[in-house]
N, C-alpha and C. Protein backbone atom coordinates (compact mmCIF):
# COMPACT_ATOMS: atom_id res chain seq x y z
N UNK A 1 -74.06 13.59 -1.68
CA UNK A 1 -73.23 13.74 -0.70
C UNK A 1 -71.99 12.94 -0.77
N UNK A 2 -70.83 13.67 -0.94
CA UNK A 2 -69.63 12.94 -1.20
C UNK A 2 -68.80 12.72 0.13
N UNK A 3 -67.88 11.79 0.07
CA UNK A 3 -67.14 11.59 1.22
C UNK A 3 -65.79 12.47 1.16
N UNK A 4 -65.68 13.38 2.14
CA UNK A 4 -64.50 14.28 2.21
C UNK A 4 -63.37 13.55 2.71
N UNK A 5 -62.24 13.89 2.03
CA UNK A 5 -61.08 13.17 2.55
C UNK A 5 -60.62 13.71 3.94
N UNK A 6 -60.08 12.81 4.78
CA UNK A 6 -59.71 13.21 6.10
C UNK A 6 -58.43 14.15 6.12
N UNK A 7 -57.63 13.85 5.09
CA UNK A 7 -56.44 14.77 4.92
C UNK A 7 -56.53 15.55 3.79
N UNK A 8 -56.33 16.76 3.97
CA UNK A 8 -56.44 17.73 2.78
C UNK A 8 -55.22 17.62 1.93
N UNK A 9 -55.25 17.86 0.66
CA UNK A 9 -54.15 17.94 -0.22
C UNK A 9 -53.07 18.94 0.33
N UNK A 10 -51.79 18.48 0.34
CA UNK A 10 -50.84 19.44 0.91
C UNK A 10 -50.62 20.57 -0.12
N UNK A 11 -50.42 21.74 0.65
CA UNK A 11 -50.24 22.99 -0.16
C UNK A 11 -48.72 23.21 -0.26
N UNK A 12 -48.33 24.12 -0.99
CA UNK A 12 -46.86 24.39 -1.14
C UNK A 12 -46.29 24.81 0.26
N UNK A 13 -47.08 25.40 1.08
CA UNK A 13 -46.59 25.87 2.39
C UNK A 13 -46.34 24.61 3.20
N UNK A 14 -47.24 23.62 3.25
CA UNK A 14 -47.05 22.41 3.95
C UNK A 14 -45.87 21.58 3.52
N UNK A 15 -45.65 21.52 2.24
CA UNK A 15 -44.39 20.78 1.76
C UNK A 15 -43.21 21.53 2.17
N UNK A 16 -43.09 22.76 2.16
CA UNK A 16 -41.88 23.59 2.60
C UNK A 16 -41.72 23.38 4.14
N UNK A 17 -42.75 23.26 4.95
CA UNK A 17 -42.63 22.97 6.28
C UNK A 17 -42.05 21.59 6.61
N UNK A 18 -42.54 20.60 5.81
CA UNK A 18 -42.15 19.23 5.94
C UNK A 18 -40.63 19.03 5.49
N UNK A 19 -40.31 19.76 4.45
CA UNK A 19 -38.82 19.78 3.96
C UNK A 19 -38.00 20.37 5.22
N UNK A 20 -38.44 21.56 5.65
CA UNK A 20 -37.61 22.10 6.68
C UNK A 20 -37.46 21.22 8.00
N UNK A 21 -38.52 20.58 8.26
CA UNK A 21 -38.57 19.66 9.44
C UNK A 21 -37.62 18.44 9.17
N UNK A 22 -37.44 17.87 7.97
CA UNK A 22 -36.59 16.90 7.69
C UNK A 22 -35.11 17.31 7.69
N UNK A 23 -34.90 18.51 7.33
CA UNK A 23 -33.46 19.09 7.36
C UNK A 23 -33.14 19.25 8.72
N UNK A 24 -34.05 19.73 9.61
CA UNK A 24 -33.75 19.90 11.13
C UNK A 24 -33.43 18.63 11.65
N UNK A 25 -34.19 17.72 11.45
CA UNK A 25 -34.10 16.42 12.10
C UNK A 25 -32.75 15.66 11.59
N UNK A 26 -32.34 15.80 10.36
CA UNK A 26 -31.12 15.32 9.88
C UNK A 26 -29.97 16.09 10.52
N UNK A 27 -30.09 17.38 10.76
CA UNK A 27 -28.99 18.17 11.30
C UNK A 27 -28.85 17.77 12.93
N UNK A 28 -29.86 17.51 13.62
CA UNK A 28 -29.94 17.30 14.96
C UNK A 28 -29.38 15.74 15.09
N UNK A 29 -29.66 14.87 14.19
CA UNK A 29 -29.11 13.57 14.21
C UNK A 29 -27.62 13.56 14.10
N UNK A 30 -27.14 14.33 13.17
CA UNK A 30 -25.64 14.46 12.80
C UNK A 30 -25.03 15.06 14.14
N UNK A 31 -25.69 16.09 14.73
CA UNK A 31 -25.09 16.74 15.92
C UNK A 31 -24.95 15.60 17.05
N UNK A 32 -26.02 14.97 17.26
CA UNK A 32 -26.04 13.93 18.32
C UNK A 32 -24.97 12.82 18.11
N UNK A 33 -24.69 12.40 16.78
CA UNK A 33 -23.74 11.45 16.42
C UNK A 33 -22.34 12.11 16.76
N UNK A 34 -22.13 13.30 16.50
CA UNK A 34 -20.85 13.92 16.71
C UNK A 34 -20.66 14.08 18.39
N UNK A 35 -21.61 14.39 19.03
CA UNK A 35 -21.62 14.50 20.53
C UNK A 35 -21.28 13.20 21.00
N UNK A 36 -21.87 11.98 20.52
CA UNK A 36 -21.61 10.68 21.01
C UNK A 36 -20.18 10.23 20.82
N UNK A 37 -19.64 10.58 19.62
CA UNK A 37 -18.19 10.31 19.27
C UNK A 37 -17.28 11.10 20.27
N UNK A 38 -17.55 12.30 20.55
CA UNK A 38 -16.73 13.07 21.50
C UNK A 38 -16.83 12.43 22.89
N UNK A 39 -17.95 12.07 23.34
CA UNK A 39 -18.07 11.40 24.65
C UNK A 39 -17.35 10.20 24.64
N UNK A 40 -17.38 9.37 23.60
CA UNK A 40 -16.72 8.07 23.57
C UNK A 40 -15.20 8.22 23.61
N UNK A 41 -14.73 9.32 22.95
CA UNK A 41 -13.35 9.50 22.90
C UNK A 41 -12.83 9.92 24.30
N UNK A 42 -13.73 10.57 24.98
CA UNK A 42 -13.27 11.16 26.40
C UNK A 42 -13.13 9.96 27.42
N UNK A 43 -13.99 8.89 27.09
CA UNK A 43 -13.96 7.76 28.11
C UNK A 43 -12.87 6.85 27.88
N UNK A 44 -12.23 6.93 26.63
CA UNK A 44 -11.07 5.91 26.39
C UNK A 44 -9.98 6.35 27.40
N UNK A 45 -9.24 5.38 28.13
CA UNK A 45 -8.19 5.68 28.81
C UNK A 45 -7.11 6.34 28.12
N UNK A 46 -6.41 7.19 28.82
CA UNK A 46 -5.16 7.83 28.15
C UNK A 46 -4.13 6.88 28.13
N UNK A 47 -3.27 7.16 27.09
CA UNK A 47 -2.06 6.22 26.87
C UNK A 47 -1.19 6.19 28.08
N UNK A 48 -0.58 5.14 28.33
CA UNK A 48 0.30 5.02 29.37
C UNK A 48 1.75 5.25 28.78
N UNK A 49 2.75 5.45 29.57
CA UNK A 49 4.07 5.54 29.01
C UNK A 49 4.63 4.31 28.50
N UNK A 50 4.39 3.17 29.17
CA UNK A 50 4.81 1.92 28.64
C UNK A 50 3.96 1.37 27.65
N UNK A 51 4.50 0.67 26.73
CA UNK A 51 3.81 0.16 25.53
C UNK A 51 3.37 -1.23 25.92
N UNK A 52 2.25 -1.70 25.23
CA UNK A 52 1.65 -3.05 25.46
C UNK A 52 1.26 -3.70 24.13
N UNK A 53 1.22 -4.97 24.23
CA UNK A 53 0.69 -5.71 23.11
C UNK A 53 -0.63 -5.00 22.80
N UNK A 54 -1.05 -5.18 21.57
CA UNK A 54 -2.41 -4.49 21.16
C UNK A 54 -3.57 -4.89 22.06
N UNK A 55 -3.62 -6.12 22.40
CA UNK A 55 -4.80 -6.56 23.13
C UNK A 55 -4.52 -6.87 24.66
N UNK A 56 -3.20 -6.52 25.03
CA UNK A 56 -2.67 -6.67 26.45
C UNK A 56 -3.03 -8.14 26.90
N UNK A 57 -2.71 -9.10 26.12
CA UNK A 57 -2.94 -10.48 26.50
C UNK A 57 -1.73 -11.02 27.33
N UNK A 58 -1.89 -11.99 27.99
CA UNK A 58 -0.84 -12.60 28.76
C UNK A 58 -0.10 -13.73 27.88
N UNK A 59 0.98 -14.19 28.23
CA UNK A 59 1.77 -15.04 27.45
C UNK A 59 0.84 -16.35 27.24
N UNK A 60 0.18 -16.81 28.37
CA UNK A 60 -0.58 -17.95 28.38
C UNK A 60 -1.86 -17.82 27.29
N UNK A 61 -2.40 -16.67 27.44
CA UNK A 61 -3.58 -16.36 26.50
C UNK A 61 -3.07 -16.37 24.91
N UNK A 62 -1.94 -15.77 24.67
CA UNK A 62 -1.27 -15.90 23.26
C UNK A 62 -1.00 -17.26 22.96
N UNK A 63 -0.38 -18.05 23.88
CA UNK A 63 -0.17 -19.49 23.57
C UNK A 63 -1.53 -20.26 23.18
N UNK A 64 -2.49 -19.93 23.85
CA UNK A 64 -3.75 -20.60 23.57
C UNK A 64 -4.16 -20.24 22.20
N UNK A 65 -3.99 -19.08 21.79
CA UNK A 65 -4.45 -18.56 20.43
C UNK A 65 -3.54 -18.97 19.41
N UNK A 66 -2.23 -19.03 19.70
CA UNK A 66 -1.20 -19.31 18.71
C UNK A 66 -0.38 -20.62 19.29
N UNK A 67 -1.10 -21.78 19.23
CA UNK A 67 -0.41 -23.05 19.90
C UNK A 67 0.85 -23.44 19.04
N UNK A 68 0.95 -23.13 17.86
CA UNK A 68 2.18 -23.50 17.14
C UNK A 68 3.28 -22.69 17.44
N UNK A 69 3.16 -21.55 18.11
CA UNK A 69 4.30 -20.79 18.28
C UNK A 69 4.80 -20.97 19.76
N UNK A 70 6.18 -21.15 19.87
CA UNK A 70 6.71 -21.61 21.15
C UNK A 70 6.57 -20.52 22.14
N UNK A 71 6.51 -20.91 23.50
CA UNK A 71 6.35 -20.03 24.51
C UNK A 71 7.53 -18.90 24.67
N UNK A 72 8.74 -19.46 24.38
CA UNK A 72 9.92 -18.57 24.46
C UNK A 72 9.78 -17.43 23.35
N UNK A 73 9.25 -17.76 22.26
CA UNK A 73 9.15 -16.78 21.19
C UNK A 73 8.06 -15.77 21.49
N UNK A 74 6.97 -16.27 22.06
CA UNK A 74 5.95 -15.28 22.50
C UNK A 74 6.43 -14.35 23.66
N UNK A 75 7.14 -15.03 24.54
CA UNK A 75 7.60 -14.18 25.72
C UNK A 75 8.66 -13.10 25.23
N UNK A 76 9.53 -13.48 24.32
CA UNK A 76 10.45 -12.68 23.71
C UNK A 76 9.81 -11.52 22.99
N UNK A 77 8.77 -11.77 22.26
CA UNK A 77 7.95 -10.63 21.64
C UNK A 77 7.23 -9.82 22.44
N UNK A 78 6.66 -10.42 23.64
CA UNK A 78 6.06 -9.57 24.59
C UNK A 78 6.95 -8.62 25.34
N UNK A 79 8.19 -9.14 25.60
CA UNK A 79 9.37 -8.19 26.28
C UNK A 79 9.70 -7.10 25.31
N UNK A 80 9.69 -7.59 24.04
CA UNK A 80 10.23 -6.57 23.04
C UNK A 80 9.23 -5.32 22.90
N UNK A 81 8.01 -5.71 22.94
CA UNK A 81 6.95 -4.70 22.78
C UNK A 81 6.76 -3.89 24.15
N UNK A 82 6.75 -4.60 25.28
CA UNK A 82 6.45 -3.79 26.49
C UNK A 82 7.54 -3.31 27.20
N UNK A 83 8.88 -3.81 26.94
CA UNK A 83 10.05 -3.29 27.69
C UNK A 83 11.07 -2.76 26.82
N UNK A 84 10.98 -3.04 25.50
CA UNK A 84 12.03 -2.62 24.47
C UNK A 84 13.15 -3.43 24.57
N UNK A 85 13.09 -4.82 25.02
CA UNK A 85 14.08 -5.69 24.86
C UNK A 85 14.49 -6.13 23.50
N UNK A 86 15.67 -6.06 23.09
CA UNK A 86 16.02 -6.59 21.60
C UNK A 86 15.74 -8.17 21.71
N UNK A 87 15.32 -8.54 20.45
CA UNK A 87 15.09 -9.98 20.29
C UNK A 87 16.35 -10.67 19.69
N UNK A 88 16.43 -11.93 19.55
CA UNK A 88 17.46 -12.65 18.89
C UNK A 88 17.46 -12.31 17.38
N UNK A 89 18.48 -12.88 16.76
CA UNK A 89 18.54 -12.62 15.38
C UNK A 89 17.49 -13.02 14.46
N UNK A 90 16.89 -14.26 14.81
CA UNK A 90 15.77 -14.75 14.06
C UNK A 90 14.52 -13.79 14.11
N UNK A 91 14.05 -13.50 15.30
CA UNK A 91 12.96 -12.68 15.57
C UNK A 91 13.10 -11.29 15.02
N UNK A 92 14.32 -10.83 15.15
CA UNK A 92 14.67 -9.53 14.63
C UNK A 92 14.46 -9.45 13.15
N UNK A 93 15.03 -10.50 12.49
CA UNK A 93 14.75 -10.62 11.04
C UNK A 93 13.33 -10.71 10.64
N UNK A 94 12.49 -11.38 11.43
CA UNK A 94 11.11 -11.53 11.16
C UNK A 94 10.53 -10.11 11.25
N UNK A 95 10.80 -9.44 12.58
CA UNK A 95 10.27 -8.16 12.74
C UNK A 95 10.53 -7.01 11.64
N UNK A 96 11.83 -7.22 11.07
CA UNK A 96 12.25 -6.30 10.15
C UNK A 96 11.85 -6.60 8.72
N UNK A 97 11.00 -7.76 8.64
CA UNK A 97 10.48 -8.12 7.28
C UNK A 97 11.53 -8.58 6.35
N UNK A 98 12.57 -9.29 6.88
CA UNK A 98 13.77 -9.70 6.09
C UNK A 98 13.60 -11.16 5.92
N UNK A 99 12.86 -11.61 4.96
CA UNK A 99 12.51 -13.01 4.77
C UNK A 99 13.73 -14.04 4.67
N UNK A 100 14.78 -13.55 3.86
CA UNK A 100 15.90 -14.31 3.64
C UNK A 100 16.66 -14.49 4.89
N UNK A 101 16.81 -13.43 5.66
CA UNK A 101 17.54 -13.48 6.87
C UNK A 101 16.72 -14.36 7.93
N UNK A 102 15.55 -14.23 8.06
CA UNK A 102 14.69 -14.89 8.97
C UNK A 102 14.81 -16.49 8.78
N UNK A 103 14.72 -16.85 7.41
CA UNK A 103 14.80 -18.35 7.13
C UNK A 103 16.21 -18.81 7.43
N UNK A 104 17.28 -17.93 7.07
CA UNK A 104 18.55 -18.36 7.43
C UNK A 104 18.93 -18.49 8.85
N UNK A 105 18.23 -17.79 9.79
CA UNK A 105 18.55 -17.80 11.18
C UNK A 105 17.65 -18.71 11.98
N UNK A 106 16.46 -19.14 11.29
CA UNK A 106 15.54 -20.08 12.05
C UNK A 106 16.05 -21.41 12.28
N UNK A 107 15.66 -21.91 13.45
CA UNK A 107 15.84 -23.34 13.60
C UNK A 107 14.76 -24.06 12.86
N UNK A 108 14.78 -25.39 12.90
CA UNK A 108 13.72 -26.14 12.11
C UNK A 108 12.41 -25.93 12.60
N UNK A 109 12.14 -25.90 13.97
CA UNK A 109 10.77 -25.49 14.49
C UNK A 109 10.18 -24.21 13.86
N UNK A 110 11.09 -23.21 14.13
CA UNK A 110 10.60 -21.84 13.73
C UNK A 110 10.49 -21.68 12.24
N UNK A 111 11.29 -22.46 11.51
CA UNK A 111 11.10 -22.43 9.98
C UNK A 111 9.75 -23.01 9.60
N UNK A 112 9.42 -24.08 10.37
CA UNK A 112 8.09 -24.74 10.02
C UNK A 112 6.90 -23.93 10.46
N UNK A 113 7.10 -23.06 11.41
CA UNK A 113 5.85 -22.35 12.05
C UNK A 113 6.09 -20.83 11.84
N UNK A 114 6.83 -20.43 10.78
CA UNK A 114 6.99 -19.03 10.44
C UNK A 114 5.66 -18.29 10.17
N UNK A 115 4.71 -19.01 9.48
CA UNK A 115 3.52 -18.49 9.16
C UNK A 115 2.67 -17.99 10.42
N UNK A 116 2.78 -18.91 11.49
CA UNK A 116 2.10 -18.70 12.63
C UNK A 116 2.67 -17.54 13.42
N UNK A 117 3.95 -17.50 13.39
CA UNK A 117 4.77 -16.40 14.01
C UNK A 117 4.43 -15.07 13.50
N UNK A 118 4.44 -14.99 12.14
CA UNK A 118 4.03 -13.75 11.46
C UNK A 118 2.58 -13.33 11.66
N UNK A 119 1.75 -14.33 11.83
CA UNK A 119 0.37 -14.14 12.18
C UNK A 119 0.21 -13.46 13.45
N UNK A 120 0.92 -14.01 14.47
CA UNK A 120 0.85 -13.53 15.84
C UNK A 120 1.44 -11.90 15.77
N UNK A 121 2.51 -11.75 15.09
CA UNK A 121 3.01 -10.37 14.98
C UNK A 121 1.99 -9.45 14.43
N UNK A 122 1.51 -9.89 13.29
CA UNK A 122 0.52 -9.03 12.55
C UNK A 122 -0.66 -8.77 13.39
N UNK A 123 -1.31 -9.67 14.10
CA UNK A 123 -2.40 -9.38 14.83
C UNK A 123 -2.29 -8.75 16.12
N UNK A 124 -1.10 -9.09 16.85
CA UNK A 124 -0.95 -8.66 18.30
C UNK A 124 -0.02 -7.52 18.63
N UNK A 125 0.93 -7.22 17.69
CA UNK A 125 1.91 -6.23 17.95
C UNK A 125 1.44 -4.96 17.37
N UNK A 126 1.86 -3.81 18.00
CA UNK A 126 1.53 -2.53 17.42
C UNK A 126 2.28 -2.49 16.08
N UNK A 127 1.58 -1.82 15.13
CA UNK A 127 2.04 -1.86 13.65
C UNK A 127 3.33 -1.07 13.52
N UNK A 128 3.56 -0.09 14.47
CA UNK A 128 4.71 0.66 14.30
C UNK A 128 6.00 0.10 14.92
N UNK A 129 5.74 -1.18 15.36
CA UNK A 129 6.88 -1.83 16.03
C UNK A 129 7.52 -2.99 15.16
N UNK A 130 7.02 -3.17 14.00
CA UNK A 130 7.55 -4.14 13.05
C UNK A 130 7.30 -3.71 11.64
N UNK A 131 8.06 -4.32 10.66
CA UNK A 131 7.73 -4.13 9.30
C UNK A 131 8.88 -3.72 8.43
N UNK A 132 9.90 -3.18 9.17
CA UNK A 132 11.20 -2.80 8.50
C UNK A 132 12.27 -2.54 9.55
N UNK A 133 13.42 -2.45 9.04
CA UNK A 133 14.67 -2.34 10.08
C UNK A 133 14.48 -1.02 10.73
N UNK A 134 14.01 0.04 10.03
CA UNK A 134 13.91 1.36 10.52
C UNK A 134 12.84 1.35 11.70
N UNK A 135 11.73 0.71 11.54
CA UNK A 135 10.66 0.70 12.45
C UNK A 135 11.04 0.05 13.73
N UNK A 136 11.85 -1.25 13.58
CA UNK A 136 12.30 -1.83 14.71
C UNK A 136 13.37 -1.02 15.51
N UNK A 137 14.19 -0.40 14.76
CA UNK A 137 15.25 0.42 15.50
C UNK A 137 14.48 1.64 16.23
N UNK A 138 13.48 2.25 15.59
CA UNK A 138 12.81 3.34 16.16
C UNK A 138 12.09 2.75 17.43
N UNK A 139 11.51 1.72 17.32
CA UNK A 139 10.79 1.14 18.50
C UNK A 139 11.63 0.95 19.69
N UNK A 140 12.73 0.32 19.45
CA UNK A 140 13.83 0.08 20.60
C UNK A 140 14.35 1.34 21.09
N UNK A 141 14.55 2.35 20.13
CA UNK A 141 15.08 3.64 20.54
C UNK A 141 14.21 4.40 21.44
N UNK A 142 12.75 4.25 21.25
CA UNK A 142 11.76 4.88 22.02
C UNK A 142 12.05 4.57 23.45
N UNK A 143 12.42 3.42 23.59
CA UNK A 143 12.57 2.92 25.11
C UNK A 143 13.69 3.54 25.75
N UNK A 144 14.74 3.59 24.93
CA UNK A 144 15.93 4.37 25.47
C UNK A 144 15.71 5.72 25.71
N UNK A 145 14.99 6.47 24.98
CA UNK A 145 14.73 7.84 25.25
C UNK A 145 13.76 7.96 26.43
N UNK A 146 12.82 7.18 26.67
CA UNK A 146 11.92 7.13 27.81
C UNK A 146 12.87 7.02 29.12
N UNK A 147 13.65 5.93 29.09
CA UNK A 147 14.46 5.76 30.23
C UNK A 147 15.44 6.85 30.64
N UNK A 148 15.83 7.58 29.58
CA UNK A 148 16.72 8.74 29.73
C UNK A 148 16.02 9.96 30.26
N UNK A 149 14.74 10.04 29.99
CA UNK A 149 13.80 11.18 30.50
C UNK A 149 13.39 11.03 31.91
N UNK A 150 13.52 9.79 32.26
CA UNK A 150 12.95 9.61 33.77
C UNK A 150 14.05 9.64 34.73
């Protein structure tokens, strides 16, 4: 008297059914993932007309994160992003990625903290608002167009 196995050896039909079930489970998982992404996208708030700093932080919060950057510099950058106010020559050169001009226009404090100012710009400002003269001009021009449309 031999001991019979509790599970019989799978036949070709059983393997085909298992493969089919694995494919169906993968397809359903992919579908659920796509549905999740679609629902997540619908929950995101619609973009407002006014522009904001990337993380919509206050000047005080930015000062805490970037203690080496002066308050007037942070305030000027915030107004540049949110209201389209032109900056002074130094910050404009920094925004336009003009290193020679930025150092030429910087006072001693800003010259010493240039790294921190650029770090703030890189991390907090929308990427289409800085990096070249053309981007800065386009950014400022977008506010003029918005005010003309209203």
